[in-house]
Amino acid sequence: MESGPAIFTGSVFAVFGAALVLWTAVRLRQGAPVAHGTNPAVSAAVAAFAGTAALLLAVWCFTRT
């Protein structure tokens, strides 16, 4: 019974994390700022960390099913 919500939540985290990591990589490759008005290195690091954390949460959710 509990596997349905865990699969849904894991899928949401996986899609969000993958999209955030991909978007950050594309912005860095183009030389564009990741976040306007901030230090480029810090904003890229925070975005990459958040994306990776979301992917790790997705893996954790999938192991709970």
PDB file of N, CA and C in Angstrom:
ATOM      1  N   MET A   1       0.802  -1.195   0.000  1.00  0.00           N
ATOM      2  CA  MET A   1       0.000   0.000   0.000  1.00  0.00           C
ATOM      3  C   MET A   1       0.845   1.257   0.000  1.00  0.00           C
ATOM      4  N   GLU A   2       1.990   1.228   0.656  1.00  0.00           N
ATOM      5  CA  GLU A   2       2.826   2.405   0.763  1.00  0.00           C
ATOM      6  C   GLU A   2       3.691   2.629  -0.471  1.00  0.00           C
ATOM      7  N   SER A   3       3.761   1.680  -1.378  1.00  0.00           N
ATOM      8  CA  SER A   3       4.680   1.817  -2.502  1.00  0.00           C
ATOM      9  C   SER A   3       4.206   2.845  -3.530  1.00  0.00           C
ATOM     10  N   GLY A   4       2.921   3.060  -3.652  1.00  0.00           N
ATOM     11  CA  GLY A   4       2.418   4.039  -4.622  1.00  0.00           C
ATOM     12  C   GLY A   4       2.913   5.445  -4.349  1.00  0.00           C
ATOM     13  N   PRO A   5       2.730   5.972  -3.141  1.00  0.00           N
ATOM     14  CA  PRO A   5       3.232   7.308  -2.848  1.00  0.00           C
ATOM     15  C   PRO A   5       4.754   7.407  -2.931  1.00  0.00           C
ATOM     16  N   ALA A   6       5.463   6.348  -2.546  1.00  0.00           N
ATOM     17  CA  ALA A   6       6.925   6.377  -2.614  1.00  0.00           C
ATOM     18  C   ALA A   6       7.396   6.424  -4.059  1.00  0.00           C
ATOM     19  N   ILE A   7       6.735   5.708  -4.929  1.00  0.00           N
ATOM     20  CA  ILE A   7       7.106   5.730  -6.344  1.00  0.00           C
ATOM     21  C   ILE A   7       6.805   7.098  -6.946  1.00  0.00           C
ATOM     22  N   PHE A   8       5.654   7.670  -6.616  1.00  0.00           N
ATOM     23  CA  PHE A   8       5.306   8.992  -7.127  1.00  0.00           C
ATOM     24  C   PHE A   8       6.300  10.041  -6.632  1.00  0.00           C
ATOM     25  N   THR A   9       6.589  10.030  -5.336  1.00  0.00           N
ATOM     26  CA  THR A   9       7.516  11.003  -4.773  1.00  0.00           C
ATOM     27  C   THR A   9       8.913  10.825  -5.350  1.00  0.00           C
ATOM     28  N   GLY A  10       9.356   9.599  -5.487  1.00  0.00           N
ATOM     29  CA  GLY A  10      10.663   9.340  -6.087  1.00  0.00           C
ATOM     30  C   GLY A  10      10.728   9.824  -7.517  1.00  0.00           C
ATOM     31  N   SER A  11       9.652   9.652  -8.261  1.00  0.00           N
ATOM     32  CA  SER A  11       9.621  10.127  -9.651  1.00  0.00           C
ATOM     33  C   SER A  11       9.692  11.649  -9.726  1.00  0.00           C
ATOM     34  N   VAL A  12       8.982  12.317  -8.822  1.00  0.00           N
ATOM     35  CA  VAL A  12       9.017  13.778  -8.797  1.00  0.00           C
ATOM     36  C   VAL A  12      10.423  14.265  -8.469  1.00  0.00           C
ATOM     37  N   PHE A  13      11.045  13.684  -7.451  1.00  0.00           N
ATOM     38  CA  PHE A  13      12.410  14.068  -7.103  1.00  0.00           C
ATOM     39  C   PHE A  13      13.374  13.781  -8.247  1.00  0.00           C
ATOM     40  N   ALA A  14      13.205  12.652  -8.923  1.00  0.00           N
ATOM     41  CA  ALA A  14      14.108  12.288 -10.012  1.00  0.00           C
ATOM     42  C   ALA A  14      13.988  13.264 -11.184  1.00  0.00           C
ATOM     43  N   VAL A  15      12.764  13.603 -11.553  1.00  0.00           N
ATOM     44  CA  VAL A  15      12.573  14.533 -12.669  1.00  0.00           C
ATOM     45  C   VAL A  15      13.109  15.910 -12.307  1.00  0.00           C
ATOM     46  N   PHE A  16      12.785  16.394 -11.107  1.00  0.00           N
ATOM     47  CA  PHE A  16      13.267  17.714 -10.691  1.00  0.00           C
ATOM     48  C   PHE A  16      14.781  17.747 -10.602  1.00  0.00           C
ATOM     49  N   GLY A  17      15.381  16.749  -9.968  1.00  0.00           N
ATOM     50  CA  GLY A  17      16.833  16.723  -9.813  1.00  0.00           C
ATOM     51  C   GLY A  17      17.558  16.645 -11.140  1.00  0.00           C
ATOM     52  N   ALA A  18      17.080  15.781 -12.029  1.00  0.00           N
ATOM     53  CA  ALA A  18      17.718  15.649 -13.337  1.00  0.00           C
ATOM     54  C   ALA A  18      17.584  16.944 -14.143  1.00  0.00           C
ATOM     55  N   ALA A  19      16.415  17.558 -14.088  1.00  0.00           N
ATOM     56  CA  ALA A  19      16.210  18.809 -14.827  1.00  0.00           C
ATOM     57  C   ALA A  19      17.094  19.923 -14.270  1.00  0.00           C
ATOM     58  N   LEU A  20      17.217  19.998 -12.957  1.00  0.00           N
ATOM     59  CA  LEU A  20      18.037  21.052 -12.354  1.00  0.00           C
ATOM     60  C   LEU A  20      19.512  20.862 -12.661  1.00  0.00           C
ATOM     61  N   VAL A  21      19.996  19.642 -12.583  1.00  0.00           N
ATOM     62  CA  VAL A  21      21.402  19.384 -12.911  1.00  0.00           C
ATOM     63  C   VAL A  21      21.661  19.655 -14.387  1.00  0.00           C
ATOM     64  N   LEU A  22      20.759  19.222 -15.255  1.00  0.00           N
ATOM     65  CA  LEU A  22      20.922  19.457 -16.685  1.00  0.00           C
ATOM     66  C   LEU A  22      20.888  20.948 -17.011  1.00  0.00           C
ATOM     67  N   TRP A  23      19.933  21.667 -16.431  1.00  0.00           N
ATOM     68  CA  TRP A  23      19.811  23.100 -16.679  1.00  0.00           C
ATOM     69  C   TRP A  23      21.059  23.837 -16.205  1.00  0.00           C
ATOM     70  N   THR A  24      21.573  23.468 -15.031  1.00  0.00           N
ATOM     71  CA  THR A  24      22.779  24.096 -14.504  1.00  0.00           C
ATOM     72  C   THR A  24      23.968  23.828 -15.423  1.00  0.00           C
ATOM     73  N   ALA A  25      24.096  22.604 -15.893  1.00  0.00           N
ATOM     74  CA  ALA A  25      25.207  22.266 -16.789  1.00  0.00           C
ATOM     75  C   ALA A  25      25.121  23.038 -18.099  1.00  0.00           C
ATOM     76  N   VAL A  26      23.931  23.174 -18.644  1.00  0.00           N
ATOM     77  CA  VAL A  26      23.768  23.917 -19.899  1.00  0.00           C
ATOM     78  C   VAL A  26      24.108  25.386 -19.696  1.00  0.00           C
ATOM     79  N   ARG A  27      23.630  25.971 -18.597  1.00  0.00           N
ATOM     80  CA  ARG A  27      23.922  27.387 -18.318  1.00  0.00           C
ATOM     81  C   ARG A  27      25.417  27.613 -18.142  1.00  0.00           C
ATOM     82  N   LEU A  28      26.097  26.707 -17.447  1.00  0.00           N
ATOM     83  CA  LEU A  28      27.539  26.851 -17.261  1.00  0.00           C
ATOM     84  C   LEU A  28      28.286  26.686 -18.576  1.00  0.00           C
ATOM     85  N   ARG A  29      27.848  25.750 -19.396  1.00  0.00           N
ATOM     86  CA  ARG A  29      28.496  25.518 -20.696  1.00  0.00           C
ATOM     87  C   ARG A  29      28.354  26.716 -21.616  1.00  0.00           C
ATOM     88  N   GLN A  30      27.216  27.399 -21.534  1.00  0.00           N
ATOM     89  CA  GLN A  30      26.988  28.585 -22.356  1.00  0.00           C
ATOM     90  C   GLN A  30      27.656  29.834 -21.786  1.00  0.00           C
ATOM     91  N   GLY A  31      28.125  29.759 -20.554  1.00  0.00           N
ATOM     92  CA  GLY A  31      28.719  30.914 -19.902  1.00  0.00           C
ATOM     93  C   GLY A  31      27.687  31.882 -19.372  1.00  0.00           C
ATOM     94  N   ALA A  32      26.454  31.454 -19.287  1.00  0.00           N
ATOM     95  CA  ALA A  32      25.364  32.293 -18.790  1.00  0.00           C
ATOM     96  C   ALA A  32      25.270  32.144 -17.270  1.00  0.00           C
ATOM     97  N   PRO A  33      24.756  33.165 -16.599  1.00  0.00           N
ATOM     98  CA  PRO A  33      24.630  33.047 -15.136  1.00  0.00           C
ATOM     99  C   PRO A  33      23.552  32.034 -14.745  1.00  0.00           C
ATOM    100  N   VAL A  34      23.800  31.329 -13.670  1.00  0.00           N
ATOM    101  CA  VAL A  34      22.826  30.365 -13.171  1.00  0.00           C
ATOM    102  C   VAL A  34      21.728  31.103 -12.417  1.00  0.00           C
ATOM    103  N   ALA A  35      22.109  32.140 -11.667  1.00  0.00           N
ATOM    104  CA  ALA A  35      21.152  32.985 -10.954  1.00  0.00           C
ATOM    105  C   ALA A  35      21.625  34.433 -11.099  1.00  0.00           C
ATOM    106  N   HIS A  36      20.747  35.317 -11.466  1.00  0.00           N
ATOM    107  CA  HIS A  36      21.111  36.711 -11.663  1.00  0.00           C
ATOM    108  C   HIS A  36      21.368  37.404 -10.328  1.00  0.00           C
ATOM    109  N   GLY A  37      22.400  38.235 -10.307  1.00  0.00           N
ATOM    110  CA  GLY A  37      22.693  39.034  -9.130  1.00  0.00           C
ATOM    111  C   GLY A  37      23.445  38.313  -8.034  1.00  0.00           C
ATOM    112  N   THR A  38      24.013  37.152  -8.332  1.00  0.00           N
ATOM    113  CA  THR A  38      24.768  36.402  -7.329  1.00  0.00           C
ATOM    114  C   THR A  38      26.126  36.043  -7.894  1.00  0.00           C
ATOM    115  N   ASN A  39      26.980  35.548  -7.026  1.00  0.00           N
ATOM    116  CA  ASN A  39      28.285  35.068  -7.446  1.00  0.00           C
ATOM    117  C   ASN A  39      28.072  33.829  -8.322  1.00  0.00           C
ATOM    118  N   PRO A  40      28.616  33.821  -9.546  1.00  0.00           N
ATOM    119  CA  PRO A  40      28.369  32.673 -10.451  1.00  0.00           C
ATOM    120  C   PRO A  40      28.827  31.327  -9.892  1.00  0.00           C
ATOM    121  N   ALA A  41      29.960  31.305  -9.219  1.00  0.00           N
ATOM    122  CA  ALA A  41      30.455  30.031  -8.685  1.00  0.00           C
ATOM    123  C   ALA A  41      29.557  29.520  -7.564  1.00  0.00           C
ATOM    124  N   VAL A  42      29.118  30.407  -6.710  1.00  0.00           N
ATOM    125  CA  VAL A  42      28.271  29.999  -5.589  1.00  0.00           C
ATOM    126  C   VAL A  42      26.907  29.538  -6.088  1.00  0.00           C
ATOM    127  N   SER A  43      26.320  30.277  -7.015  1.00  0.00           N
ATOM    128  CA  SER A  43      24.998  29.886  -7.510  1.00  0.00           C
ATOM    129  C   SER A  43      25.055  28.553  -8.259  1.00  0.00           C
ATOM    130  N   ALA A  44      26.125  28.316  -9.003  1.00  0.00           N
ATOM    131  CA  ALA A  44      26.267  27.040  -9.701  1.00  0.00           C
ATOM    132  C   ALA A  44      26.450  25.898  -8.705  1.00  0.00           C
ATOM    133  N   ALA A  45      27.224  26.138  -7.665  1.00  0.00           N
ATOM    134  CA  ALA A  45      27.445  25.093  -6.658  1.00  0.00           C
ATOM    135  C   ALA A  45      26.161  24.773  -5.904  1.00  0.00           C
ATOM    136  N   VAL A  46      25.407  25.790  -5.543  1.00  0.00           N
ATOM    137  CA  VAL A  46      24.159  25.561  -4.809  1.00  0.00           C
ATOM    138  C   VAL A  46      23.147  24.825  -5.687  1.00  0.00           C
ATOM    139  N   ALA A  47      23.037  25.226  -6.952  1.00  0.00           N
ATOM    140  CA  ALA A  47      22.099  24.560  -7.859  1.00  0.00           C
ATOM    141  C   ALA A  47      22.507  23.104  -8.095  1.00  0.00           C
ATOM    142  N   ALA A  48      23.799  22.871  -8.283  1.00  0.00           N
ATOM    143  CA  ALA A  48      24.269  21.502  -8.490  1.00  0.00           C
ATOM    144  C   ALA A  48      24.042  20.653  -7.240  1.00  0.00           C
ATOM    145  N   PHE A  49      24.275  21.239  -6.076  1.00  0.00           N
ATOM    146  CA  PHE A  49      24.036  20.513  -4.823  1.00  0.00           C
ATOM    147  C   PHE A  49      22.561  20.178  -4.657  1.00  0.00           C
ATOM    148  N   ALA A  50      21.691  21.131  -4.943  1.00  0.00           N
ATOM    149  CA  ALA A  50      20.250  20.895  -4.804  1.00  0.00           C
ATOM    150  C   ALA A  50      19.779  19.808  -5.773  1.00  0.00           C
ATOM    151  N   GLY A  51      20.273  19.839  -7.004  1.00  0.00           N
ATOM    152  CA  GLY A  51      19.903  18.814  -7.973  1.00  0.00           C
ATOM    153  C   GLY A  51      20.383  17.433  -7.573  1.00  0.00           C
ATOM    154  N   THR A  52      21.614  17.365  -7.090  1.00  0.00           N
ATOM    155  CA  THR A  52      22.162  16.090  -6.642  1.00  0.00           C
ATOM    156  C   THR A  52      21.410  15.565  -5.418  1.00  0.00           C
ATOM    157  N   ALA A  53      21.079  16.467  -4.504  1.00  0.00           N
ATOM    158  CA  ALA A  53      20.317  16.061  -3.319  1.00  0.00           C
ATOM    159  C   ALA A  53      18.948  15.511  -3.721  1.00  0.00           C
ATOM    160  N   ALA A  54      18.307  16.136  -4.698  1.00  0.00           N
ATOM    161  CA  ALA A  54      17.010  15.646  -5.161  1.00  0.00           C
ATOM    162  C   ALA A  54      17.152  14.259  -5.791  1.00  0.00           C
ATOM    163  N   LEU A  55      18.207  14.048  -6.544  1.00  0.00           N
ATOM    164  CA  LEU A  55      18.427  12.729  -7.141  1.00  0.00           C
ATOM    165  C   LEU A  55      18.690  11.673  -6.064  1.00  0.00           C
ATOM    166  N   LEU A  56      19.434  12.035  -5.036  1.00  0.00           N
ATOM    167  CA  LEU A  56      19.671  11.094  -3.939  1.00  0.00           C
ATOM    168  C   LEU A  56      18.389  10.788  -3.173  1.00  0.00           C
ATOM    169  N   LEU A  57      17.540  11.794  -2.992  1.00  0.00           N
ATOM    170  CA  LEU A  57      16.241  11.552  -2.365  1.00  0.00           C
ATOM    171  C   LEU A  57      15.375  10.631  -3.220  1.00  0.00           C
ATOM    172  N   ALA A  58      15.474  10.777  -4.525  1.00  0.00           N
ATOM    173  CA  ALA A  58      14.726   9.893  -5.418  1.00  0.00           C
ATOM    174  C   ALA A  58      15.173   8.451  -5.253  1.00  0.00           C
ATOM    175  N   VAL A  59      16.468   8.253  -5.206  1.00  0.00           N
ATOM    176  CA  VAL A  59      16.996   6.901  -5.009  1.00  0.00           C
ATOM    177  C   VAL A  59      16.531   6.343  -3.667  1.00  0.00           C
ATOM    178  N   TRP A  60      16.566   7.173  -2.639  1.00  0.00           N
ATOM    179  CA  TRP A  60      16.115   6.728  -1.320  1.00  0.00           C
ATOM    180  C   TRP A  60      14.625   6.339  -1.350  1.00  0.00           C
ATOM    181  N   CYS A  61      13.820   7.149  -2.028  1.00  0.00           N
ATOM    182  CA  CYS A  61      12.386   6.831  -2.122  1.00  0.00           C
ATOM    183  C   CYS A  61      12.155   5.522  -2.877  1.00  0.00           C
ATOM    184  N   PHE A  62      12.921   5.304  -3.941  1.00  0.00           N
ATOM    185  CA  PHE A  62      12.744   4.074  -4.717  1.00  0.00           C
ATOM    186  C   PHE A  62      13.181   2.839  -3.936  1.00  0.00           C
ATOM    187  N   THR A  63      14.122   2.991  -3.007  1.00  0.00           N
ATOM    188  CA  THR A  63      14.530   1.833  -2.215  1.00  0.00           C
ATOM    189  C   THR A  63      13.525   1.522  -1.122  1.00  0.00           C
ATOM    190  N   ARG A  64      12.595   2.419  -0.853  1.00  0.00           N
ATOM    191  CA  ARG A  64      11.565   2.218   0.185  1.00  0.00           C
ATOM    192  C   ARG A  64      10.331   1.515  -0.357  1.00  0.00           C
ATOM    193  N   THR A  65      10.264   1.251  -1.650  1.00  0.00           N
ATOM    194  CA  THR A  65       9.062   0.640  -2.223  1.00  0.00           C
ATOM    195  C   THR A  65       9.050  -0.852  -2.010  1.00  0.00           C
TER     196      THR A  65
END
